Amino acid sequence: MDYKLILKKALFSNNSPNLVLSGIREIDKLTILTDYLSHLDKSPPVIQEKNDIKWISNSTYNIFDMYHIKHKQGQKFFGIIGDIIKSKNYYSDFNRILVLKNFDNVDINIQNKFRVIFEKFRKTTLFILITSRFNSIIEPIRSRFLLIRISDTTYKEKRTLSRENLKELSYDKKSIIYDKIYTLSNEKDIVFYSLFNEGILMNHQTIHDIIYQRIISLKSDQKIDKRLSGIKELSYMIEKYNLENVHKELFLSFMNDLRLSLSLRLKISKLISDCESKYHKSFNTILSNENFIYSLVHILSEKT
């Protein structure tokens, strides 16, 4: 059965079950979920912070990324969770919703604490876990949640997403783009690639490919003003198109570029890992993007 129908029925039921959304890592399961949650509560979510722990919330739901919750923060984190789920939701007829993203990164001790919370506050809170590895969740939790597997978009659905942006192109050119989007899982990435269909004239590059090539070209630019202008342009491009996987995609591009020495690729790998961590903690993502690209260009320039 189509997961969309199951998810819709589960969320809008008078007795919604706790949910686990599972599927391959490349599928943006959180965006799929929040598209449905926006029908329950249209108030814009905001970033909250307490005791060095950040999360996203509005009057109905709270979203925590478990990837960024460290073991030493456990007591503070569960204190925040307790404050949220113990308070009545006066702003909606629906129960308060607690979403835990990247639940595959949660160790067994913390899962056991959650198991008690899930059982105790089941009647007042809807709990939703998002994971790419369902089997990483302990059995006592799995048995009390409805599993919904988010499947990859079909070839037909991918063509439909792209078609509006490709209607002026010939069949041969459309086929080139279709071949590329069949390899993509994120619907936003599919739309972005279709919008950038001028990539046909640029060796069929995706937006990530374009950013990568521009970073490489910036290392050779000796004019500081032009280099800084290029860095700003790329930073805004990343933000404009909401490229959530830009760190991952650039990492893959650098690691697969055999023109670069192994030591340089290892140095770049560490830089990208550090920058991605800082990006998720930053309130000014544009500056975070600029620092990321500037650091990459600086490392590349040192080795030329």
C-alpha atoms as a PDB file:
ATOM      1  CA  MET A   1       0.000   0.000   0.000  1.00  0.00           C
ATOM      2  CA  ASP A   2       1.122   3.571  -0.707  1.00  0.00           C
ATOM      3  CA  TYR A   3       2.919   4.955   2.366  1.00  0.00           C
ATOM      4  CA  LYS A   4       1.321   8.381   1.769  1.00  0.00           C
ATOM      5  CA  LEU A   5      -2.163   7.024   2.405  1.00  0.00           C
ATOM      6  CA  ILE A   6      -1.056   5.185   5.557  1.00  0.00           C
ATOM      7  CA  LEU A   7       0.817   8.223   6.903  1.00  0.00           C
ATOM      8  CA  LYS A   8      -2.130  10.533   6.252  1.00  0.00           C
ATOM      9  CA  LYS A   9      -4.601   8.217   7.967  1.00  0.00           C
ATOM     10  CA  ALA A  10      -2.272   7.678  10.920  1.00  0.00           C
ATOM     11  CA  LEU A  11      -1.619  11.382  11.519  1.00  0.00           C
ATOM     12  CA  PHE A  12      -5.224  12.528  11.126  1.00  0.00           C
ATOM     13  CA  SER A  13      -6.786   9.701  13.073  1.00  0.00           C
ATOM     14  CA  ASN A  14      -8.660  10.383  16.311  1.00  0.00           C
ATOM     15  CA  ASN A  15      -6.370   7.835  17.942  1.00  0.00           C
ATOM     16  CA  SER A  16      -3.057   8.261  16.140  1.00  0.00           C
ATOM     17  CA  PRO A  17      -0.510   5.508  16.853  1.00  0.00           C
ATOM     18  CA  ASN A  18       3.115   6.267  17.623  1.00  0.00           C
ATOM     19  CA  LEU A  19       5.057   6.094  14.350  1.00  0.00           C
ATOM     20  CA  VAL A  20       8.442   5.032  13.026  1.00  0.00           C
ATOM     21  CA  LEU A  21       9.271   6.466   9.597  1.00  0.00           C
ATOM     22  CA  SER A  22      11.975   4.369   7.984  1.00  0.00           C
ATOM     23  CA  GLY A  23      13.635   4.314   4.569  1.00  0.00           C
ATOM     24  CA  ILE A  24      16.960   4.768   2.826  1.00  0.00           C
ATOM     25  CA  ARG A  25      19.076   7.662   4.087  1.00  0.00           C
ATOM     26  CA  GLU A  26      18.822   9.577   0.803  1.00  0.00           C
ATOM     27  CA  ILE A  27      15.068  10.072   1.238  1.00  0.00           C
ATOM     28  CA  ASP A  28      14.270  13.273   3.146  1.00  0.00           C
ATOM     29  CA  LYS A  29      11.776  11.691   5.519  1.00  0.00           C
ATOM     30  CA  LEU A  30      11.555  14.745   7.783  1.00  0.00           C
ATOM     31  CA  THR A  31      10.434  17.016   4.941  1.00  0.00           C
ATOM     32  CA  ILE A  32       7.820  14.453   3.914  1.00  0.00           C
ATOM     33  CA  LEU A  33       6.541  14.389   7.500  1.00  0.00           C
ATOM     34  CA  THR A  34       6.506  18.164   8.028  1.00  0.00           C
ATOM     35  CA  ASP A  35       4.511  18.610   4.805  1.00  0.00           C
ATOM     36  CA  TYR A  36       1.736  16.628   6.503  1.00  0.00           C
ATOM     37  CA  LEU A  37       2.216  18.293   9.896  1.00  0.00           C
ATOM     38  CA  SER A  38       1.754  21.712   8.291  1.00  0.00           C
ATOM     39  CA  HIS A  39      -1.906  20.774   7.759  1.00  0.00           C
ATOM     40  CA  LEU A  40      -2.283  20.268  11.500  1.00  0.00           C
ATOM     41  CA  ASP A  41      -0.586  23.522  12.443  1.00  0.00           C
ATOM     42  CA  LYS A  42       0.269  26.268   9.962  1.00  0.00           C
ATOM     43  CA  SER A  43       2.234  28.377  12.468  1.00  0.00           C
ATOM     44  CA  PRO A  44       5.871  28.669  11.341  1.00  0.00           C
ATOM     45  CA  PRO A  45       8.381  26.598  13.344  1.00  0.00           C
ATOM     46  CA  VAL A  46      11.207  28.418  15.125  1.00  0.00           C
ATOM     47  CA  ILE A  47      14.565  27.398  16.560  1.00  0.00           C
ATOM     48  CA  GLN A  48      14.574  26.889  20.322  1.00  0.00           C
ATOM     49  CA  GLU A  49      17.658  26.567  22.527  1.00  0.00           C
ATOM     50  CA  LYS A  50      18.098  25.611  26.146  1.00  0.00           C
ATOM     51  CA  ASN A  51      21.159  24.259  27.960  1.00  0.00           C
ATOM     52  CA  ASP A  52      23.123  24.159  24.666  1.00  0.00           C
ATOM     53  CA  ILE A  53      20.459  21.934  23.089  1.00  0.00           C
ATOM     54  CA  LYS A  54      18.679  23.175  19.978  1.00  0.00           C
ATOM     55  CA  TRP A  55      15.439  21.990  18.442  1.00  0.00           C
ATOM     56  CA  ILE A  56      12.669  23.193  16.131  1.00  0.00           C
ATOM     57  CA  SER A  57       9.127  23.758  17.343  1.00  0.00           C
ATOM     58  CA  ASN A  58       5.780  25.433  16.869  1.00  0.00           C
ATOM     59  CA  SER A  59       2.618  25.251  18.975  1.00  0.00           C
ATOM     60  CA  THR A  60       1.947  21.611  18.014  1.00  0.00           C
ATOM     61  CA  TYR A  61       5.218  19.802  17.347  1.00  0.00           C
ATOM     62  CA  ASN A  62       8.826  19.708  18.539  1.00  0.00           C
ATOM     63  CA  ILE A  63      11.608  18.219  16.398  1.00  0.00           C
ATOM     64  CA  PHE A  64      14.928  17.061  17.857  1.00  0.00           C
ATOM     65  CA  ASP A  65      17.876  15.785  15.820  1.00  0.00           C
ATOM     66  CA  MET A  66      19.316  12.953  17.891  1.00  0.00           C
ATOM     67  CA  TYR A  67      22.544  13.103  15.894  1.00  0.00           C
ATOM     68  CA  HIS A  68      23.462  16.258  17.818  1.00  0.00           C
ATOM     69  CA  ILE A  69      22.437  15.068  21.284  1.00  0.00           C
ATOM     70  CA  LYS A  70      25.587  14.011  23.122  1.00  0.00           C
ATOM     71  CA  HIS A  71      25.610  11.458  25.937  1.00  0.00           C
ATOM     72  CA  LYS A  72      26.819  14.040  28.470  1.00  0.00           C
ATOM     73  CA  GLN A  73      23.733  16.152  27.687  1.00  0.00           C
ATOM     74  CA  GLY A  74      21.381  13.305  28.637  1.00  0.00           C
ATOM     75  CA  GLN A  75      20.057  14.731  31.894  1.00  0.00           C
ATOM     76  CA  LYS A  76      19.464  18.212  30.447  1.00  0.00           C
ATOM     77  CA  PHE A  77      17.936  16.750  27.292  1.00  0.00           C
ATOM     78  CA  PHE A  78      15.425  14.575  29.143  1.00  0.00           C
ATOM     79  CA  GLY A  79      14.577  17.559  31.340  1.00  0.00           C
ATOM     80  CA  ILE A  80      13.587  19.509  28.211  1.00  0.00           C
ATOM     81  CA  ILE A  81      11.638  16.527  26.856  1.00  0.00           C
ATOM     82  CA  GLY A  82       9.812  16.225  30.187  1.00  0.00           C
ATOM     83  CA  ASP A  83       8.798  19.889  30.197  1.00  0.00           C
ATOM     84  CA  ILE A  84       7.399  19.540  26.682  1.00  0.00           C
ATOM     85  CA  ILE A  85       5.352  16.377  27.045  1.00  0.00           C
ATOM     86  CA  LYS A  86       4.009  17.136  30.543  1.00  0.00           C
ATOM     87  CA  SER A  87       2.442  20.442  29.498  1.00  0.00           C
ATOM     88  CA  LYS A  88      -1.013  20.400  27.929  1.00  0.00           C
ATOM     89  CA  ASN A  89      -1.362  21.584  24.340  1.00  0.00           C
ATOM     90  CA  TYR A  90      -3.808  24.494  24.591  1.00  0.00           C
ATOM     91  CA  TYR A  91      -3.301  25.605  20.983  1.00  0.00           C
ATOM     92  CA  SER A  92      -4.687  22.597  19.126  1.00  0.00           C
ATOM     93  CA  ASP A  93      -7.250  19.821  19.358  1.00  0.00           C
ATOM     94  CA  PHE A  94      -4.470  17.381  18.505  1.00  0.00           C
ATOM     95  CA  ASN A  95      -2.033  15.886  20.966  1.00  0.00           C
ATOM     96  CA  ARG A  96       1.391  17.403  21.258  1.00  0.00           C
ATOM     97  CA  ILE A  97       3.781  15.798  18.735  1.00  0.00           C
ATOM     98  CA  LEU A  98       7.402  14.931  19.528  1.00  0.00           C
ATOM     99  CA  VAL A  99       9.584  14.051  16.518  1.00  0.00           C
ATOM    100  CA  LEU A 100      12.992  12.430  17.033  1.00  0.00           C
ATOM    101  CA  LYS A 101      15.086  12.512  13.866  1.00  0.00           C
ATOM    102  CA  ASN A 102      18.130  10.244  13.310  1.00  0.00           C
ATOM    103  CA  PHE A 103      16.937   7.793  15.929  1.00  0.00           C
ATOM    104  CA  ASP A 104      19.373   5.233  14.522  1.00  0.00           C
ATOM    105  CA  ASN A 105      22.127   7.159  16.363  1.00  0.00           C
ATOM    106  CA  VAL A 106      20.613   6.549  19.805  1.00  0.00           C
ATOM    107  CA  ASP A 107      22.388   4.142  22.180  1.00  0.00           C
ATOM    108  CA  ILE A 108      20.519   1.440  24.092  1.00  0.00           C
ATOM    109  CA  ASN A 109      20.592   3.212  27.483  1.00  0.00           C
ATOM    110  CA  ILE A 110      18.890   6.297  26.078  1.00  0.00           C
ATOM    111  CA  GLN A 111      16.427   4.141  24.130  1.00  0.00           C
ATOM    112  CA  ASN A 112      15.448   2.417  27.361  1.00  0.00           C
ATOM    113  CA  LYS A 113      14.749   5.802  28.977  1.00  0.00           C
ATOM    114  CA  PHE A 114      12.621   6.723  25.989  1.00  0.00           C
ATOM    115  CA  ARG A 115      10.749   3.420  26.238  1.00  0.00           C
ATOM    116  CA  VAL A 116       9.454   4.441  29.669  1.00  0.00           C
ATOM    117  CA  ILE A 117       8.482   7.898  28.382  1.00  0.00           C
ATOM    118  CA  PHE A 118       6.714   6.455  25.327  1.00  0.00           C
ATOM    119  CA  GLU A 119       4.607   4.200  27.550  1.00  0.00           C
ATOM    120  CA  LYS A 120       3.855   6.761  30.276  1.00  0.00           C
ATOM    121  CA  PHE A 121       2.839   9.655  28.034  1.00  0.00           C
ATOM    122  CA  ARG A 122       1.228   7.716  25.182  1.00  0.00           C
ATOM    123  CA  LYS A 123      -2.229   9.268  25.797  1.00  0.00           C
ATOM    124  CA  THR A 124      -1.054  12.899  25.713  1.00  0.00           C
ATOM    125  CA  THR A 125       1.766  12.868  23.155  1.00  0.00           C
ATOM    126  CA  LEU A 126       2.228  11.453  19.672  1.00  0.00           C
ATOM    127  CA  PHE A 127       5.811  10.219  19.301  1.00  0.00           C
ATOM    128  CA  ILE A 128       7.360   9.941  15.831  1.00  0.00           C
ATOM    129  CA  LEU A 129      10.778   8.388  15.257  1.00  0.00           C
ATOM    130  CA  ILE A 130      12.720   8.887  12.004  1.00  0.00           C
ATOM    131  CA  THR A 131      15.416   6.378  11.128  1.00  0.00           C
ATOM    132  CA  SER A 132      17.295   4.843   8.227  1.00  0.00           C
ATOM    133  CA  ARG A 133      17.936   1.625  10.185  1.00  0.00           C
ATOM    134  CA  PHE A 134      14.757   0.238  11.707  1.00  0.00           C
ATOM    135  CA  ASN A 135      16.603  -2.711  13.289  1.00  0.00           C
ATOM    136  CA  SER A 136      18.749  -0.294  15.330  1.00  0.00           C
ATOM    137  CA  ILE A 137      15.661   0.440  17.445  1.00  0.00           C
ATOM    138  CA  ILE A 138      15.194  -1.933  20.389  1.00  0.00           C
ATOM    139  CA  GLU A 139      12.341  -4.441  20.166  1.00  0.00           C
ATOM    140  CA  PRO A 140      10.278  -3.042  23.129  1.00  0.00           C
ATOM    141  CA  ILE A 141       9.996   0.242  21.208  1.00  0.00           C
ATOM    142  CA  ARG A 142       9.469  -1.308  17.765  1.00  0.00           C
ATOM    143  CA  SER A 143       6.586  -3.421  19.056  1.00  0.00           C
ATOM    144  CA  ARG A 144       4.730  -0.318  20.292  1.00  0.00           C
ATOM    145  CA  PHE A 145       5.075   1.769  17.128  1.00  0.00           C
ATOM    146  CA  LEU A 146       3.502   1.584  13.686  1.00  0.00           C
ATOM    147  CA  LEU A 147       6.255   1.211  11.088  1.00  0.00           C
ATOM    148  CA  ILE A 148       5.806   3.193   7.864  1.00  0.00           C
ATOM    149  CA  ARG A 149       8.455   2.546   5.235  1.00  0.00           C
ATOM    150  CA  ILE A 150       9.013   5.604   3.046  1.00  0.00           C
ATOM    151  CA  SER A 151       9.738   4.201  -0.389  1.00  0.00           C
ATOM    152  CA  ASP A 152      11.800   5.833  -3.097  1.00  0.00           C
ATOM    153  CA  THR A 153       9.942   7.843  -5.727  1.00  0.00           C
ATOM    154  CA  THR A 154       9.080   5.764  -8.804  1.00  0.00           C
ATOM    155  CA  TYR A 155      10.548   6.566 -12.226  1.00  0.00           C
ATOM    156  CA  LYS A 156       7.144   7.776 -13.361  1.00  0.00           C
ATOM    157  CA  GLU A 157       6.790  10.106 -10.351  1.00  0.00           C
ATOM    158  CA  LYS A 158      10.304  11.471 -10.969  1.00  0.00           C
ATOM    159  CA  ARG A 159       9.446  12.249 -14.599  1.00  0.00           C
ATOM    160  CA  THR A 160       6.269  13.985 -13.448  1.00  0.00           C
ATOM    161  CA  LEU A 161       8.247  16.162 -11.022  1.00  0.00           C
ATOM    162  CA  SER A 162      10.601  17.185 -13.836  1.00  0.00           C
ATOM    163  CA  ARG A 163       8.221  17.464 -16.771  1.00  0.00           C
ATOM    164  CA  GLU A 164       6.985  21.021 -16.141  1.00  0.00           C
ATOM    165  CA  ASN A 165      10.535  22.372 -16.304  1.00  0.00           C
ATOM    166  CA  LEU A 166      11.477  20.325 -19.362  1.00  0.00           C
ATOM    167  CA  LYS A 167       8.479  20.836 -21.638  1.00  0.00           C
ATOM    168  CA  GLU A 168      10.425  23.057 -24.061  1.00  0.00           C
ATOM    169  CA  LEU A 169      13.190  20.498 -24.551  1.00  0.00           C
ATOM    170  CA  SER A 170      13.496  17.847 -27.225  1.00  0.00           C
ATOM    171  CA  TYR A 171      12.958  14.179 -26.392  1.00  0.00           C
ATOM    172  CA  ASP A 172      16.709  13.457 -26.638  1.00  0.00           C
ATOM    173  CA  LYS A 173      17.556  16.181 -24.133  1.00  0.00           C
ATOM    174  CA  LYS A 174      14.753  15.129 -21.790  1.00  0.00           C
ATOM    175  CA  SER A 175      16.102  11.581 -21.867  1.00  0.00           C
ATOM    176  CA  ILE A 176      19.514  12.790 -20.713  1.00  0.00           C
ATOM    177  CA  ILE A 177      17.962  14.522 -17.718  1.00  0.00           C
ATOM    178  CA  TYR A 178      15.659  11.589 -16.926  1.00  0.00           C
ATOM    179  CA  ASP A 179      18.687   9.278 -16.811  1.00  0.00           C
ATOM    180  CA  LYS A 180      20.183  11.531 -14.149  1.00  0.00           C
ATOM    181  CA  ILE A 181      17.085  12.030 -11.998  1.00  0.00           C
ATOM    182  CA  TYR A 182      16.508   8.267 -11.858  1.00  0.00           C
ATOM    183  CA  THR A 183      19.613   8.140  -9.631  1.00  0.00           C
ATOM    184  CA  LEU A 184      18.203  10.755  -7.204  1.00  0.00           C
ATOM    185  CA  SER A 185      15.913  10.035  -4.244  1.00  0.00           C
ATOM    186  CA  ASN A 186      15.222  13.475  -2.799  1.00  0.00           C
ATOM    187  CA  GLU A 187      12.289  15.158  -4.561  1.00  0.00           C
ATOM    188  CA  LYS A 188      13.833  18.606  -4.062  1.00  0.00           C
ATOM    189  CA  ASP A 189      17.032  17.442  -5.736  1.00  0.00           C
ATOM    190  CA  ILE A 190      14.990  16.164  -8.681  1.00  0.00           C
ATOM    191  CA  VAL A 191      13.243  19.515  -9.071  1.00  0.00           C
ATOM    192  CA  PHE A 192      16.522  21.453  -8.708  1.00  0.00           C
ATOM    193  CA  TYR A 193      18.212  19.361 -11.372  1.00  0.00           C
ATOM    194  CA  SER A 194      15.259  19.887 -13.702  1.00  0.00           C
ATOM    195  CA  LEU A 195      15.355  23.644 -13.111  1.00  0.00           C
ATOM    196  CA  PHE A 196      19.051  23.611 -13.959  1.00  0.00           C
ATOM    197  CA  ASN A 197      18.453  21.803 -17.234  1.00  0.00           C
ATOM    198  CA  GLU A 198      21.045  24.049 -18.866  1.00  0.00           C
ATOM    199  CA  GLY A 199      23.356  21.432 -17.401  1.00  0.00           C
ATOM    200  CA  ILE A 200      22.886  19.730 -20.769  1.00  0.00           C
ATOM    201  CA  LEU A 201      25.343  22.298 -22.086  1.00  0.00           C
ATOM    202  CA  MET A 202      27.643  21.725 -19.098  1.00  0.00           C
ATOM    203  CA  ASN A 203      28.248  17.972 -19.313  1.00  0.00           C
ATOM    204  CA  HIS A 204      24.910  17.278 -17.577  1.00  0.00           C
ATOM    205  CA  GLN A 205      26.044  18.709 -14.238  1.00  0.00           C
ATOM    206  CA  THR A 206      23.808  18.818 -11.195  1.00  0.00           C
ATOM    207  CA  ILE A 207      23.744  21.927  -9.002  1.00  0.00           C
ATOM    208  CA  HIS A 208      26.213  20.163  -6.688  1.00  0.00           C
ATOM    209  CA  ASP A 209      28.531  19.518  -9.641  1.00  0.00           C
ATOM    210  CA  ILE A 210      28.352  23.197 -10.594  1.00  0.00           C
ATOM    211  CA  ILE A 211      29.235  24.315  -7.055  1.00  0.00           C
ATOM    212  CA  TYR A 212      32.133  21.876  -6.939  1.00  0.00           C
ATOM    213  CA  GLN A 213      33.608  23.072 -10.233  1.00  0.00           C
ATOM    214  CA  ARG A 214      33.297  26.712  -9.161  1.00  0.00           C
ATOM    215  CA  ILE A 215      35.100  26.004  -5.893  1.00  0.00           C
ATOM    216  CA  ILE A 216      37.903  24.336  -7.832  1.00  0.00           C
ATOM    217  CA  SER A 217      38.124  27.315 -10.194  1.00  0.00           C
ATOM    218  CA  LEU A 218      38.237  29.844  -7.334  1.00  0.00           C
ATOM    219  CA  LYS A 219      41.543  28.464  -6.061  1.00  0.00           C
ATOM    220  CA  SER A 220      43.259  29.785  -9.202  1.00  0.00           C
ATOM    221  CA  ASP A 221      41.799  33.275  -8.951  1.00  0.00           C
ATOM    222  CA  GLN A 222      44.520  35.589  -7.627  1.00  0.00           C
ATOM    223  CA  LYS A 223      42.202  38.621  -7.332  1.00  0.00           C
ATOM    224  CA  ILE A 224      40.980  38.714  -3.741  1.00  0.00           C
ATOM    225  CA  ASP A 225      37.845  40.753  -4.516  1.00  0.00           C
ATOM    226  CA  LYS A 226      36.791  38.379  -7.275  1.00  0.00           C
ATOM    227  CA  ARG A 227      37.464  35.336  -5.093  1.00  0.00           C
ATOM    228  CA  LEU A 228      35.420  36.728  -2.193  1.00  0.00           C
ATOM    229  CA  SER A 229      32.608  37.650  -4.582  1.00  0.00           C
ATOM    230  CA  GLY A 230      32.596  34.082  -5.904  1.00  0.00           C
ATOM    231  CA  ILE A 231      32.481  32.675  -2.370  1.00  0.00           C
ATOM    232  CA  LYS A 232      29.495  34.887  -1.487  1.00  0.00           C
ATOM    233  CA  GLU A 233      27.692  33.866  -4.676  1.00  0.00           C
ATOM    234  CA  LEU A 234      28.131  30.168  -3.937  1.00  0.00           C
ATOM    235  CA  SER A 235      27.077  30.660  -0.296  1.00  0.00           C
ATOM    236  CA  TYR A 236      23.798  32.252  -1.357  1.00  0.00           C
ATOM    237  CA  MET A 237      23.276  29.556  -3.998  1.00  0.00           C
ATOM    238  CA  ILE A 238      23.509  26.847  -1.331  1.00  0.00           C
ATOM    239  CA  GLU A 239      21.001  28.675   0.856  1.00  0.00           C
ATOM    240  CA  LYS A 240      18.680  29.723  -1.979  1.00  0.00           C
ATOM    241  CA  TYR A 241      18.156  26.161  -3.116  1.00  0.00           C
ATOM    242  CA  ASN A 242      18.168  24.740   0.407  1.00  0.00           C
ATOM    243  CA  LEU A 243      20.818  22.162  -0.478  1.00  0.00           C
ATOM    244  CA  GLU A 244      20.665  20.051   2.668  1.00  0.00           C
ATOM    245  CA  ASN A 245      23.128  17.456   1.334  1.00  0.00           C
ATOM    246  CA  VAL A 246      25.735  19.902   0.048  1.00  0.00           C
ATOM    247  CA  HIS A 247      28.401  18.764   2.537  1.00  0.00           C
ATOM    248  CA  LYS A 248      27.871  15.129   1.625  1.00  0.00           C
ATOM    249  CA  GLU A 249      27.836  15.795  -2.134  1.00  0.00           C
ATOM    250  CA  LEU A 250      30.988  17.927  -2.029  1.00  0.00           C
ATOM    251  CA  PHE A 251      32.686  15.326   0.143  1.00  0.00           C
ATOM    252  CA  LEU A 252      31.977  12.665  -2.501  1.00  0.00           C
ATOM    253  CA  SER A 253      33.210  14.962  -5.284  1.00  0.00           C
ATOM    254  CA  PHE A 254      36.500  15.694  -3.537  1.00  0.00           C
ATOM    255  CA  MET A 255      37.062  12.075  -2.508  1.00  0.00           C
ATOM    256  CA  ASN A 256      36.500  10.889  -6.096  1.00  0.00           C
ATOM    257  CA  ASP A 257      38.756  13.539  -7.636  1.00  0.00           C
ATOM    258  CA  LEU A 258      41.962  11.581  -8.283  1.00  0.00           C
ATOM    259  CA  ARG A 259      43.739  14.766  -9.373  1.00  0.00           C
ATOM    260  CA  LEU A 260      44.014  15.569  -5.667  1.00  0.00           C
ATOM    261  CA  SER A 261      46.578  13.829  -3.475  1.00  0.00           C
ATOM    262  CA  LEU A 262      45.409  11.411  -0.794  1.00  0.00           C
ATOM    263  CA  SER A 263      46.740  13.647   2.003  1.00  0.00           C
ATOM    264  CA  LEU A 264      44.847  16.626   0.573  1.00  0.00           C
ATOM    265  CA  ARG A 265      41.629  14.639   0.291  1.00  0.00           C
ATOM    266  CA  LEU A 266      41.968  13.505   3.920  1.00  0.00           C
ATOM    267  CA  LYS A 267      42.493  17.101   5.033  1.00  0.00           C
ATOM    268  CA  ILE A 268      39.424  18.188   3.069  1.00  0.00           C
ATOM    269  CA  SER A 269      37.422  15.299   4.547  1.00  0.00           C
ATOM    270  CA  LYS A 270      38.131  16.495   8.096  1.00  0.00           C
ATOM    271  CA  LEU A 271      37.307  20.095   7.149  1.00  0.00           C
ATOM    272  CA  ILE A 272      33.945  19.111   5.653  1.00  0.00           C
ATOM    273  CA  SER A 273      33.057  17.047   8.729  1.00  0.00           C
ATOM    274  CA  ASP A 274      33.881  19.975  11.052  1.00  0.00           C
ATOM    275  CA  CYS A 275      32.016  22.490   8.896  1.00  0.00           C
ATOM    276  CA  GLU A 276      28.884  20.341   8.678  1.00  0.00           C
ATOM    277  CA  SER A 277      28.775  20.043  12.468  1.00  0.00           C
ATOM    278  CA  LYS A 278      29.158  23.818  12.877  1.00  0.00           C
ATOM    279  CA  TYR A 279      26.532  24.457  10.176  1.00  0.00           C
ATOM    280  CA  HIS A 280      23.819  22.649  12.151  1.00  0.00           C
ATOM    281  CA  LYS A 281      24.680  24.680  15.260  1.00  0.00           C
ATOM    282  CA  SER A 282      24.807  28.025  13.467  1.00  0.00           C
ATOM    283  CA  PHE A 283      22.063  30.638  13.459  1.00  0.00           C
ATOM    284  CA  ASN A 284      23.617  32.417  10.451  1.00  0.00           C
ATOM    285  CA  THR A 285      23.840  29.733   7.790  1.00  0.00           C
ATOM    286  CA  ILE A 286      25.034  32.178   5.101  1.00  0.00           C
ATOM    287  CA  LEU A 287      28.158  32.974   7.137  1.00  0.00           C
ATOM    288  CA  SER A 288      28.590  29.281   7.829  1.00  0.00           C
ATOM    289  CA  ASN A 289      28.443  28.584   4.072  1.00  0.00           C
ATOM    290  CA  GLU A 290      30.977  31.353   3.366  1.00  0.00           C
ATOM    291  CA  ASN A 291      33.382  30.005   5.979  1.00  0.00           C
ATOM    292  CA  PHE A 292      32.965  26.491   4.561  1.00  0.00           C
ATOM    293  CA  ILE A 293      33.763  27.507   0.976  1.00  0.00           C
ATOM    294  CA  TYR A 294      36.528  29.930   1.983  1.00  0.00           C
ATOM    295  CA  SER A 295      38.235  27.163   3.990  1.00  0.00           C
ATOM    296  CA  LEU A 296      37.999  24.752   1.053  1.00  0.00           C
ATOM    297  CA  VAL A 297      39.456  27.296  -1.360  1.00  0.00           C
ATOM    298  CA  HIS A 298      42.225  28.143   1.129  1.00  0.00           C
ATOM    299  CA  ILE A 299      43.265  24.499   1.485  1.00  0.00           C
ATOM    300  CA  LEU A 300      43.223  23.959  -2.280  1.00  0.00           C
ATOM    301  CA  SER A 301      45.243  27.123  -2.877  1.00  0.00           C
ATOM    302  CA  GLU A 302      47.936  26.091  -0.415  1.00  0.00           C
ATOM    303  CA  LYS A 303      48.662  22.989  -2.463  1.00  0.00           C
ATOM    304  CA  THR A 304      48.923  24.636  -5.885  1.00  0.00           C
END
